[in-house]
Amino acid sequence: MKLLEYADVIRSKNAGIHYVTVDIMFHDAAKYDALTETGALSAEVFADTYDLPEDEVRFFEYDAGLALKVTIPRRTTAGSPGDSDVFGAQQHVPALDIDVPVDAETDDSSG
């Protein structure tokens, strides 16, 4: 299954002018736990996805917020000539296709 199909929210935004943060969030603790227990997402996976050295990727699991956060360097400084995404709002797109080894689960609280 693709991350796009599994996570509830995947977004990106600037983390200063030189970095972008990708947030991956869940409404359901069971879905979040199922994914994090696989170890399928890591700095190494995002380094491969974004064609970066692993030591340039910061990867965090934020259990209290049912979220994963990945911070990567921008290829172009925000707002500089050649920057096509000044807010970093489209930089999450490569992460959408990451394969995750989990089954689709639904959040029973969503109604």
PDB file of N, CA and C in Angstrom:
ATOM      1  N   MET A   1       0.839  -1.169   0.000  1.00  0.00           N
ATOM      2  CA  MET A   1       0.000   0.000   0.000  1.00  0.00           C
ATOM      3  C   MET A   1       0.892   1.242   0.000  1.00  0.00           C
ATOM      4  N   LYS A   2       0.451   2.274  -0.665  1.00  0.00           N
ATOM      5  CA  LYS A   2       1.192   3.536  -0.706  1.00  0.00           C
ATOM      6  C   LYS A   2       0.874   4.369   0.539  1.00  0.00           C
ATOM      7  N   LEU A   3       1.840   5.159   0.958  1.00  0.00           N
ATOM      8  CA  LEU A   3       1.643   6.032   2.116  1.00  0.00           C
ATOM      9  C   LEU A   3       0.439   6.940   1.909  1.00  0.00           C
ATOM     10  N   LEU A   4       0.240   7.413   0.691  1.00  0.00           N
ATOM     11  CA  LEU A   4      -0.902   8.260   0.365  1.00  0.00           C
ATOM     12  C   LEU A   4      -2.227   7.603   0.743  1.00  0.00           C
ATOM     13  N   GLU A   5      -2.324   6.300   0.563  1.00  0.00           N
ATOM     14  CA  GLU A   5      -3.555   5.572   0.844  1.00  0.00           C
ATOM     15  C   GLU A   5      -3.738   5.294   2.331  1.00  0.00           C
ATOM     16  N   TYR A   6      -2.672   5.355   3.095  1.00  0.00           N
ATOM     17  CA  TYR A   6      -2.708   4.942   4.497  1.00  0.00           C
ATOM     18  C   TYR A   6      -2.790   6.102   5.486  1.00  0.00           C
ATOM     19  N   ALA A   7      -1.992   7.123   5.284  1.00  0.00           N
ATOM     20  CA  ALA A   7      -1.958   8.253   6.224  1.00  0.00           C
ATOM     21  C   ALA A   7      -3.188   9.133   6.039  1.00  0.00           C
ATOM     22  N   ASP A   8      -3.589   9.817   7.097  1.00  0.00           N
ATOM     23  CA  ASP A   8      -4.728  10.726   7.017  1.00  0.00           C
ATOM     24  C   ASP A   8      -4.339  12.091   6.465  1.00  0.00           C
ATOM     25  N   VAL A   9      -3.151  12.562   6.791  1.00  0.00           N
ATOM     26  CA  VAL A   9      -2.674  13.853   6.299  1.00  0.00           C
ATOM     27  C   VAL A   9      -1.189  13.714   5.953  1.00  0.00           C
ATOM     28  N   ILE A  10      -0.836  14.177   4.778  1.00  0.00           N
ATOM     29  CA  ILE A  10       0.573  14.287   4.391  1.00  0.00           C
ATOM     30  C   ILE A  10       0.722  15.680   3.801  1.00  0.00           C
ATOM     31  N   ARG A  11       1.599  16.469   4.391  1.00  0.00           N
ATOM     32  CA  ARG A  11       1.767  17.846   3.915  1.00  0.00           C
ATOM     33  C   ARG A  11       3.221  18.260   4.088  1.00  0.00           C
ATOM     34  N   SER A  12       3.576  19.332   3.419  1.00  0.00           N
ATOM     35  CA  SER A  12       4.911  19.887   3.583  1.00  0.00           C
ATOM     36  C   SER A  12       4.820  21.395   3.727  1.00  0.00           C
ATOM     37  N   LYS A  13       5.866  21.947   4.328  1.00  0.00           N
ATOM     38  CA  LYS A  13       5.936  23.400   4.519  1.00  0.00           C
ATOM     39  C   LYS A  13       7.380  23.770   4.806  1.00  0.00           C
ATOM     40  N   ASN A  14       7.680  25.026   4.648  1.00  0.00           N
ATOM     41  CA  ASN A  14       9.020  25.497   4.958  1.00  0.00           C
ATOM     42  C   ASN A  14       9.331  25.310   6.428  1.00  0.00           C
ATOM     43  N   ALA A  15      10.579  25.020   6.690  1.00  0.00           N
ATOM     44  CA  ALA A  15      11.118  25.007   8.048  1.00  0.00           C
ATOM     45  C   ALA A  15      12.312  25.956   8.004  1.00  0.00           C
ATOM     46  N   GLY A  16      12.020  27.218   7.755  1.00  0.00           N
ATOM     47  CA  GLY A  16      13.058  28.200   7.475  1.00  0.00           C
ATOM     48  C   GLY A  16      13.260  28.281   5.974  1.00  0.00           C
ATOM     49  N   ILE A  17      14.223  29.049   5.547  1.00  0.00           N
ATOM     50  CA  ILE A  17      14.418  29.238   4.106  1.00  0.00           C
ATOM     51  C   ILE A  17      15.261  28.138   3.457  1.00  0.00           C
ATOM     52  N   HIS A  18      15.906  27.314   4.283  1.00  0.00           N
ATOM     53  CA  HIS A  18      16.798  26.295   3.744  1.00  0.00           C
ATOM     54  C   HIS A  18      16.294  24.859   3.918  1.00  0.00           C
ATOM     55  N   TYR A  19      15.161  24.692   4.617  1.00  0.00           N
ATOM     56  CA  TYR A  19      14.658  23.346   4.909  1.00  0.00           C
ATOM     57  C   TYR A  19      13.159  23.269   4.669  1.00  0.00           C
ATOM     58  N   VAL A  20      12.699  22.043   4.433  1.00  0.00           N
ATOM     59  CA  VAL A  20      11.283  21.726   4.291  1.00  0.00           C
ATOM     60  C   VAL A  20      10.973  20.611   5.274  1.00  0.00           C
ATOM     61  N   THR A  21       9.811  20.683   5.881  1.00  0.00           N
ATOM     62  CA  THR A  21       9.345  19.617   6.760  1.00  0.00           C
ATOM     63  C   THR A  21       8.156  18.930   6.111  1.00  0.00           C
ATOM     64  N   VAL A  22       8.186  17.608   6.119  1.00  0.00           N
ATOM     65  CA  VAL A  22       7.059  16.791   5.672  1.00  0.00           C
ATOM     66  C   VAL A  22       6.412  16.218   6.923  1.00  0.00           C
ATOM     67  N   ASP A  23       5.118  16.462   7.073  1.00  0.00           N
ATOM     68  CA  ASP A  23       4.348  15.941   8.203  1.00  0.00           C
ATOM     69  C   ASP A  23       3.453  14.816   7.710  1.00  0.00           C
ATOM     70  N   ILE A  24       3.442  13.717   8.460  1.00  0.00           N
ATOM     71  CA  ILE A  24       2.589  12.572   8.158  1.00  0.00           C
ATOM     72  C   ILE A  24       1.785  12.322   9.422  1.00  0.00           C
ATOM     73  N   MET A  25       0.453  12.483   9.327  1.00  0.00           N
ATOM     74  CA  MET A  25      -0.377  12.461  10.528  1.00  0.00           C
ATOM     75  C   MET A  25      -1.516  11.457  10.425  1.00  0.00           C
ATOM     76  N   PHE A  26      -1.955  11.008  11.590  1.00  0.00           N
ATOM     77  CA  PHE A  26      -3.012  10.010  11.687  1.00  0.00           C
ATOM     78  C   PHE A  26      -4.070  10.454  12.684  1.00  0.00           C
ATOM     79  N   HIS A  27      -5.316  10.073  12.413  1.00  0.00           N
ATOM     80  CA  HIS A  27      -6.409  10.318  13.356  1.00  0.00           C
ATOM     81  C   HIS A  27      -6.523   9.174  14.356  1.00  0.00           C
ATOM     82  N   ASP A  28      -6.011   8.020  13.985  1.00  0.00           N
ATOM     83  CA  ASP A  28      -6.220   6.788  14.720  1.00  0.00           C
ATOM     84  C   ASP A  28      -4.883   6.246  15.239  1.00  0.00           C
ATOM     85  N   ALA A  29      -4.794   6.056  16.561  1.00  0.00           N
ATOM     86  CA  ALA A  29      -3.564   5.551  17.159  1.00  0.00           C
ATOM     87  C   ALA A  29      -3.211   4.155  16.642  1.00  0.00           C
ATOM     88  N   ALA A  30      -4.196   3.333  16.358  1.00  0.00           N
ATOM     89  CA  ALA A  30      -3.929   1.979  15.870  1.00  0.00           C
ATOM     90  C   ALA A  30      -3.215   2.024  14.512  1.00  0.00           C
ATOM     91  N   LYS A  31      -3.642   2.916  13.633  1.00  0.00           N
ATOM     92  CA  LYS A  31      -2.986   3.045  12.327  1.00  0.00           C
ATOM     93  C   LYS A  31      -1.560   3.568  12.490  1.00  0.00           C
ATOM     94  N   TYR A  32      -1.405   4.581  13.322  1.00  0.00           N
ATOM     95  CA  TYR A  32      -0.075   5.145  13.571  1.00  0.00           C
ATOM     96  C   TYR A  32       0.851   4.075  14.141  1.00  0.00           C
ATOM     97  N   ASP A  33       0.373   3.364  15.168  1.00  0.00           N
ATOM     98  CA  ASP A  33       1.190   2.329  15.798  1.00  0.00           C
ATOM     99  C   ASP A  33       1.543   1.208  14.826  1.00  0.00           C
ATOM    100  N   ALA A  34       0.564   0.803  14.012  1.00  0.00           N
ATOM    101  CA  ALA A  34       0.819  -0.265  13.041  1.00  0.00           C
ATOM    102  C   ALA A  34       1.939   0.128  12.082  1.00  0.00           C
ATOM    103  N   LEU A  35       1.941   1.368  11.653  1.00  0.00           N
ATOM    104  CA  LEU A  35       2.979   1.828  10.729  1.00  0.00           C
ATOM    105  C   LEU A  35       4.325   1.964  11.420  1.00  0.00           C
ATOM    106  N   THR A  36       4.361   2.604  12.561  1.00  0.00           N
ATOM    107  CA  THR A  36       5.652   2.823  13.222  1.00  0.00           C
ATOM    108  C   THR A  36       6.280   1.506  13.674  1.00  0.00           C
ATOM    109  N   GLU A  37       5.454   0.532  14.035  1.00  0.00           N
ATOM    110  CA  GLU A  37       5.993  -0.766  14.454  1.00  0.00           C
ATOM    111  C   GLU A  37       6.681  -1.506  13.310  1.00  0.00           C
ATOM    112  N   THR A  38       6.321  -1.217  12.074  1.00  0.00           N
ATOM    113  CA  THR A  38       6.969  -1.882  10.939  1.00  0.00           C
ATOM    114  C   THR A  38       8.386  -1.371  10.711  1.00  0.00           C
ATOM    115  N   GLY A  39       8.652  -0.129  11.130  1.00  0.00           N
ATOM    116  CA  GLY A  39       9.948   0.472  10.852  1.00  0.00           C
ATOM    117  C   GLY A  39      10.132   0.810   9.374  1.00  0.00           C
ATOM    118  N   ALA A  40       9.026   0.825   8.635  1.00  0.00           N
ATOM    119  CA  ALA A  40       9.083   1.043   7.185  1.00  0.00           C
ATOM    120  C   ALA A  40       9.461   2.469   6.806  1.00  0.00           C
ATOM    121  N   LEU A  41       9.251   3.410   7.699  1.00  0.00           N
ATOM    122  CA  LEU A  41       9.629   4.802   7.429  1.00  0.00           C
ATOM    123  C   LEU A  41      10.799   5.154   8.319  1.00  0.00           C
ATOM    124  N   SER A  42      11.797   5.774   7.714  1.00  0.00           N
ATOM    125  CA  SER A  42      13.019   6.112   8.434  1.00  0.00           C
ATOM    126  C   SER A  42      13.755   7.201   7.663  1.00  0.00           C
ATOM    127  N   ALA A  43      14.801   7.710   8.271  1.00  0.00           N
ATOM    128  CA  ALA A  43      15.643   8.686   7.570  1.00  0.00           C
ATOM    129  C   ALA A  43      16.197   8.081   6.290  1.00  0.00           C
ATOM    130  N   GLU A  44      16.554   6.813   6.337  1.00  0.00           N
ATOM    131  CA  GLU A  44      17.098   6.147   5.149  1.00  0.00           C
ATOM    132  C   GLU A  44      16.085   6.110   4.004  1.00  0.00           C
ATOM    133  N   VAL A  45      14.834   5.796   4.318  1.00  0.00           N
ATOM    134  CA  VAL A  45      13.787   5.729   3.290  1.00  0.00           C
ATOM    135  C   VAL A  45      13.575   7.102   2.656  1.00  0.00           C
ATOM    136  N   PHE A  46      13.524   8.138   3.482  1.00  0.00           N
ATOM    137  CA  PHE A  46      13.318   9.483   2.944  1.00  0.00           C
ATOM    138  C   PHE A  46      14.551   9.977   2.192  1.00  0.00           C
ATOM    139  N   ALA A  47      15.736   9.591   2.635  1.00  0.00           N
ATOM    140  CA  ALA A  47      16.945   9.942   1.890  1.00  0.00           C
ATOM    141  C   ALA A  47      16.893   9.339   0.488  1.00  0.00           C
ATOM    142  N   ASP A  48      16.487   8.083   0.404  1.00  0.00           N
ATOM    143  CA  ASP A  48      16.356   7.439  -0.909  1.00  0.00           C
ATOM    144  C   ASP A  48      15.276   8.111  -1.747  1.00  0.00           C
ATOM    145  N   THR A  49      14.150   8.414  -1.130  1.00  0.00           N
ATOM    146  CA  THR A  49      13.023   9.016  -1.837  1.00  0.00           C
ATOM    147  C   THR A  49      13.371  10.382  -2.402  1.00  0.00           C
ATOM    148  N   TYR A  50      14.109  11.170  -1.635  1.00  0.00           N
ATOM    149  CA  TYR A  50      14.446  12.534  -2.052  1.00  0.00           C
ATOM    150  C   TYR A  50      15.862  12.656  -2.616  1.00  0.00           C
ATOM    151  N   ASP A  51      16.533  11.522  -2.807  1.00  0.00           N
ATOM    152  CA  ASP A  51      17.879  11.496  -3.364  1.00  0.00           C
ATOM    153  C   ASP A  51      18.826  12.410  -2.585  1.00  0.00           C
ATOM    154  N   LEU A  52      18.889  12.151  -1.286  1.00  0.00           N
ATOM    155  CA  LEU A  52      19.731  12.926  -0.380  1.00  0.00           C
ATOM    156  C   LEU A  52      20.623  11.995   0.427  1.00  0.00           C
ATOM    157  N   PRO A  53      21.733  12.484   0.927  1.00  0.00           N
ATOM    158  CA  PRO A  53      22.505  11.688   1.880  1.00  0.00           C
ATOM    159  C   PRO A  53      21.681  11.514   3.170  1.00  0.00           C
ATOM    160  N   GLU A  54      21.748  10.340   3.751  1.00  0.00           N
ATOM    161  CA  GLU A  54      20.948  10.064   4.947  1.00  0.00           C
ATOM    162  C   GLU A  54      21.243  11.031   6.092  1.00  0.00           C
ATOM    163  N   ASP A  55      22.476  11.489   6.207  1.00  0.00           N
ATOM    164  CA  ASP A  55      22.811  12.387   7.309  1.00  0.00           C
ATOM    165  C   ASP A  55      22.211  13.791   7.151  1.00  0.00           C
ATOM    166  N   GLU A  56      21.573  14.068   6.008  1.00  0.00           N
ATOM    167  CA  GLU A  56      20.899  15.354   5.806  1.00  0.00           C
ATOM    168  C   GLU A  56      19.395  15.274   6.114  1.00  0.00           C
ATOM    169  N   VAL A  57      18.923  14.097   6.497  1.00  0.00           N
ATOM    170  CA  VAL A  57      17.498  13.893   6.768  1.00  0.00           C
ATOM    171  C   VAL A  57      17.290  13.729   8.268  1.00  0.00           C
ATOM    172  N   ARG A  58      16.376  14.531   8.805  1.00  0.00           N
ATOM    173  CA  ARG A  58      16.009  14.398  10.219  1.00  0.00           C
ATOM    174  C   ARG A  58      14.627  13.782  10.276  1.00  0.00           C
ATOM    175  N   PHE A  59      14.494  12.663  10.975  1.00  0.00           N
ATOM    176  CA  PHE A  59      13.254  11.901  11.037  1.00  0.00           C
ATOM    177  C   PHE A  59      12.832  11.761  12.497  1.00  0.00           C
ATOM    178  N   PHE A  60      11.568  12.109  12.769  1.00  0.00           N
ATOM    179  CA  PHE A  60      11.058  12.055  14.138  1.00  0.00           C
ATOM    180  C   PHE A  60       9.722  11.334  14.180  1.00  0.00           C
ATOM    181  N   GLU A  61       9.525  10.515  15.195  1.00  0.00           N
ATOM    182  CA  GLU A  61       8.218   9.959  15.501  1.00  0.00           C
ATOM    183  C   GLU A  61       7.683  10.729  16.701  1.00  0.00           C
ATOM    184  N   TYR A  62       6.508  11.319  16.562  1.00  0.00           N
ATOM    185  CA  TYR A  62       5.900  12.086  17.641  1.00  0.00           C
ATOM    186  C   TYR A  62       4.641  11.350  18.081  1.00  0.00           C
ATOM    187  N   ASP A  63       4.831  10.406  19.014  1.00  0.00           N
ATOM    188  CA  ASP A  63       3.743   9.528  19.443  1.00  0.00           C
ATOM    189  C   ASP A  63       2.545  10.283  20.001  1.00  0.00           C
ATOM    190  N   ALA A  64       2.787  11.310  20.795  1.00  0.00           N
ATOM    191  CA  ALA A  64       1.677  12.051  21.411  1.00  0.00           C
ATOM    192  C   ALA A  64       0.786  12.718  20.371  1.00  0.00           C
ATOM    193  N   GLY A  65       1.351  13.065  19.232  1.00  0.00           N
ATOM    194  CA  GLY A  65       0.590  13.716  18.171  1.00  0.00           C
ATOM    195  C   GLY A  65       0.197  12.783  17.040  1.00  0.00           C
ATOM    196  N   LEU A  66       0.513  11.486  17.182  1.00  0.00           N
ATOM    197  CA  LEU A  66       0.240  10.500  16.128  1.00  0.00           C
ATOM    198  C   LEU A  66       0.781  10.993  14.789  1.00  0.00           C
ATOM    199  N   ALA A  67       2.028  11.436  14.818  1.00  0.00           N
ATOM    200  CA  ALA A  67       2.612  12.062  13.629  1.00  0.00           C
ATOM    201  C   ALA A  67       4.075  11.683  13.455  1.00  0.00           C
ATOM    202  N   LEU A  68       4.492  11.736  12.210  1.00  0.00           N
ATOM    203  CA  LEU A  68       5.889  11.603  11.836  1.00  0.00           C
ATOM    204  C   LEU A  68       6.303  12.914  11.194  1.00  0.00           C
ATOM    205  N   LYS A  69       7.524  13.320  11.446  1.00  0.00           N
ATOM    206  CA  LYS A  69       8.029  14.575  10.884  1.00  0.00           C
ATOM    207  C   LYS A  69       9.377  14.290  10.258  1.00  0.00           C
ATOM    208  N   VAL A  70       9.543  14.775   9.036  1.00  0.00           N
ATOM    209  CA  VAL A  70      10.787  14.594   8.303  1.00  0.00           C
ATOM    210  C   VAL A  70      11.247  15.968   7.832  1.00  0.00           C
ATOM    211  N   THR A  71      12.456  16.333   8.166  1.00  0.00           N
ATOM    212  CA  THR A  71      12.999  17.618   7.728  1.00  0.00           C
ATOM    213  C   THR A  71      14.164  17.356   6.795  1.00  0.00           C
ATOM    214  N   ILE A  72      14.074  17.995   5.628  1.00  0.00           N
ATOM    215  CA  ILE A  72      15.088  17.812   4.586  1.00  0.00           C
ATOM    216  C   ILE A  72      15.537  19.180   4.071  1.00  0.00           C
ATOM    217  N   PRO A  73      16.738  19.254   3.524  1.00  0.00           N
ATOM    218  CA  PRO A  73      17.181  20.530   2.946  1.00  0.00           C
ATOM    219  C   PRO A  73      16.438  20.834   1.653  1.00  0.00           C
ATOM    220  N   ARG A  74      16.135  22.092   1.458  1.00  0.00           N
ATOM    221  CA  ARG A  74      15.544  22.532   0.186  1.00  0.00           C
ATOM    222  C   ARG A  74      16.624  22.507  -0.880  1.00  0.00           C
ATOM    223  N   ARG A  75      16.248  22.220  -2.093  1.00  0.00           N
ATOM    224  CA  ARG A  75      17.204  22.234  -3.205  1.00  0.00           C
ATOM    225  C   ARG A  75      17.532  23.671  -3.609  1.00  0.00           C
ATOM    226  N   THR A  76      16.592  24.582  -3.374  1.00  0.00           N
ATOM    227  CA  THR A  76      16.760  25.996  -3.685  1.00  0.00           C
ATOM    228  C   THR A  76      16.289  26.796  -2.483  1.00  0.00           C
ATOM    229  N   THR A  77      17.007  27.803  -2.092  1.00  0.00           N
ATOM    230  CA  THR A  77      16.588  28.652  -0.981  1.00  0.00           C
ATOM    231  C   THR A  77      15.224  29.259  -1.291  1.00  0.00           C
ATOM    232  N   ALA A  78      14.332  29.242  -0.312  1.00  0.00           N
ATOM    233  CA  ALA A  78      12.979  29.768  -0.500  1.00  0.00           C
ATOM    234  C   ALA A  78      13.032  31.208  -0.994  1.00  0.00           C
ATOM    235  N   GLY A  79      12.312  31.467  -2.088  1.00  0.00           N
ATOM    236  CA  GLY A  79      12.212  32.811  -2.632  1.00  0.00           C
ATOM    237  C   GLY A  79      13.349  33.230  -3.541  1.00  0.00           C
ATOM    238  N   SER A  80      14.346  32.375  -3.708  1.00  0.00           N
ATOM    239  CA  SER A  80      15.465  32.750  -4.582  1.00  0.00           C
ATOM    240  C   SER A  80      15.104  32.476  -6.038  1.00  0.00           C
ATOM    241  N   PRO A  81      15.860  33.055  -6.970  1.00  0.00           N
ATOM    242  CA  PRO A  81      15.593  32.771  -8.389  1.00  0.00           C
ATOM    243  C   PRO A  81      15.612  31.256  -8.640  1.00  0.00           C
ATOM    244  N   GLY A  82      14.643  30.785  -9.373  1.00  0.00           N
ATOM    245  CA  GLY A  82      14.550  29.373  -9.672  1.00  0.00           C
ATOM    246  C   GLY A  82      13.710  28.580  -8.695  1.00  0.00           C
ATOM    247  N   ASP A  83      13.288  29.207  -7.606  1.00  0.00           N
ATOM    248  CA  ASP A  83      12.443  28.519  -6.630  1.00  0.00           C
ATOM    249  C   ASP A  83      11.018  28.466  -7.164  1.00  0.00           C
ATOM    250  N   SER A  84      10.517  27.282  -7.381  1.00  0.00           N
ATOM    251  CA  SER A  84       9.163  27.132  -7.933  1.00  0.00           C
ATOM    252  C   SER A  84       8.118  26.827  -6.867  1.00  0.00           C
ATOM    253  N   ASP A  85       8.521  26.759  -5.596  1.00  0.00           N
ATOM    254  CA  ASP A  85       7.598  26.438  -4.500  1.00  0.00           C
ATOM    255  C   ASP A  85       8.033  27.211  -3.258  1.00  0.00           C
ATOM    256  N   VAL A  86       7.789  28.498  -3.267  1.00  0.00           N
ATOM    257  CA  VAL A  86       8.319  29.381  -2.231  1.00  0.00           C
ATOM    258  C   VAL A  86       7.892  28.980  -0.816  1.00  0.00           C
ATOM    259  N   PHE A  87       6.723  28.360  -0.662  1.00  0.00           N
ATOM    260  CA  PHE A  87       6.244  27.962   0.658  1.00  0.00           C
ATOM    261  C   PHE A  87       6.600  26.522   1.016  1.00  0.00           C
ATOM    262  N   GLY A  88       7.151  25.774   0.086  1.00  0.00           N
ATOM    263  CA  GLY A  88       7.484  24.376   0.339  1.00  0.00           C
ATOM    264  C   GLY A  88       6.257  23.482   0.422  1.00  0.00           C
ATOM    265  N   ALA A  89       5.135  23.962  -0.080  1.00  0.00           N
ATOM    266  CA  ALA A  89       3.860  23.273   0.089  1.00  0.00           C
ATOM    267  C   ALA A  89       3.649  22.080  -0.834  1.00  0.00           C
ATOM    268  N   GLN A  90       4.523  21.882  -1.808  1.00  0.00           N
ATOM    269  CA  GLN A  90       4.367  20.746  -2.730  1.00  0.00           C
ATOM    270  C   GLN A  90       5.503  19.723  -2.591  1.00  0.00           C
ATOM    271  N   GLN A  91       6.336  19.906  -1.595  1.00  0.00           N
ATOM    272  CA  GLN A  91       7.514  19.043  -1.474  1.00  0.00           C
ATOM    273  C   GLN A  91       7.216  17.677  -0.857  1.00  0.00           C
ATOM    274  N   HIS A  92       5.990  17.465  -0.413  1.00  0.00           N
ATOM    275  CA  HIS A  92       5.608  16.169   0.143  1.00  0.00           C
ATOM    276  C   HIS A  92       5.287  15.139  -0.945  1.00  0.00           C
ATOM    277  N   VAL A  93       5.123  15.581  -2.180  1.00  0.00           N
ATOM    278  CA  VAL A  93       4.641  14.711  -3.256  1.00  0.00           C
ATOM    279  C   VAL A  93       5.473  13.432  -3.427  1.00  0.00           C
ATOM    280  N   PRO A  94       6.809  13.470  -3.417  1.00  0.00           N
ATOM    281  CA  PRO A  94       7.542  12.207  -3.558  1.00  0.00           C
ATOM    282  C   PRO A  94       7.232  11.191  -2.450  1.00  0.00           C
ATOM    283  N   ALA A  95       6.896  11.663  -1.273  1.00  0.00           N
ATOM    284  CA  ALA A  95       6.597  10.757  -0.149  1.00  0.00           C
ATOM    285  C   ALA A  95       5.282  10.006  -0.340  1.00  0.00           C
ATOM    286  N   LEU A  96       4.394  10.525  -1.153  1.00  0.00           N
ATOM    287  CA  LEU A  96       3.087   9.895  -1.337  1.00  0.00           C
ATOM    288  C   LEU A  96       3.199   8.468  -1.857  1.00  0.00           C
ATOM    289  N   ASP A  97       4.208   8.186  -2.644  1.00  0.00           N
ATOM    290  CA  ASP A  97       4.360   6.881  -3.271  1.00  0.00           C
ATOM    291  C   ASP A  97       5.227   5.896  -2.495  1.00  0.00           C
ATOM    292  N   ILE A  98       5.628   6.246  -1.285  1.00  0.00           N
ATOM    293  CA  ILE A  98       6.413   5.303  -0.481  1.00  0.00           C
ATOM    294  C   ILE A  98       5.533   4.105  -0.128  1.00  0.00           C
ATOM    295  N   ASP A  99       6.061   2.915  -0.349  1.00  0.00           N
ATOM    296  CA  ASP A  99       5.332   1.700   0.003  1.00  0.00           C
ATOM    297  C   ASP A  99       5.408   1.466   1.508  1.00  0.00           C
ATOM    298  N   VAL A 100       4.252   1.150   2.107  1.00  0.00           N
ATOM    299  CA  VAL A 100       4.203   0.819   3.529  1.00  0.00           C
ATOM    300  C   VAL A 100       3.562  -0.554   3.686  1.00  0.00           C
ATOM    301  N   PRO A 101       4.168  -1.436   4.484  1.00  0.00           N
ATOM    302  CA  PRO A 101       3.691  -2.806   4.611  1.00  0.00           C
ATOM    303  C   PRO A 101       2.606  -2.956   5.678  1.00  0.00           C
ATOM    304  N   VAL A 102       1.497  -2.279   5.481  1.00  0.00           N
ATOM    305  CA  VAL A 102       0.385  -2.347   6.438  1.00  0.00           C
ATOM    306  C   VAL A 102      -0.912  -2.528   5.665  1.00  0.00           C
ATOM    307  N   ASP A 103      -1.915  -3.030   6.354  1.00  0.00           N
ATOM    308  CA  ASP A 103      -3.237  -3.172   5.758  1.00  0.00           C
ATOM    309  C   ASP A 103      -4.032  -1.898   5.996  1.00  0.00           C
ATOM    310  N   ALA A 104      -4.922  -1.592   5.082  1.00  0.00           N
ATOM    311  CA  ALA A 104      -5.801  -0.435   5.257  1.00  0.00           C
ATOM    312  C   ALA A 104      -6.709  -0.704   6.443  1.00  0.00           C
ATOM    313  N   GLU A 105      -6.706   0.221   7.373  1.00  0.00           N
ATOM    314  CA  GLU A 105      -7.590   0.138   8.520  1.00  0.00           C
ATOM    315  C   GLU A 105      -8.419   1.405   8.531  1.00  0.00           C
ATOM    316  N   THR A 106      -9.626   1.321   9.007  1.00  0.00           N
ATOM    317  CA  THR A 106     -10.455   2.511   9.089  1.00  0.00           C
ATOM    318  C   THR A 106     -10.540   2.982  10.522  1.00  0.00           C
ATOM    319  N   ASP A 107     -10.714   4.253  10.672  1.00  0.00           N
ATOM    320  CA  ASP A 107     -10.872   4.865  11.976  1.00  0.00           C
ATOM    321  C   ASP A 107     -12.342   4.766  12.360  1.00  0.00           C
ATOM    322  N   ASP A 108     -12.652   3.911  13.316  1.00  0.00           N
ATOM    323  CA  ASP A 108     -14.036   3.696  13.713  1.00  0.00           C
ATOM    324  C   ASP A 108     -14.686   4.932  14.322  1.00  0.00           C
ATOM    325  N   SER A 109     -13.892   5.888  14.774  1.00  0.00           N
ATOM    326  CA  SER A 109     -14.466   7.086  15.401  1.00  0.00           C
ATOM    327  C   SER A 109     -14.903   8.132  14.384  1.00  0.00           C
ATOM    328  N   SER A 110     -14.616   7.918  13.087  1.00  0.00           N
ATOM    329  CA  SER A 110     -14.920   8.944  12.096  1.00  0.00           C
ATOM    330  C   SER A 110     -16.374   8.960  11.704  1.00  0.00           C
ATOM    331  N   GLY A 111     -17.124   7.980  12.116  1.00  0.00           N
ATOM    332  CA  GLY A 111     -18.546   8.068  11.958  1.00  0.00           C
ATOM    333  C   GLY A 111     -19.149   7.421  10.825  1.00  0.00           C
TER     334      GLY A 111
END
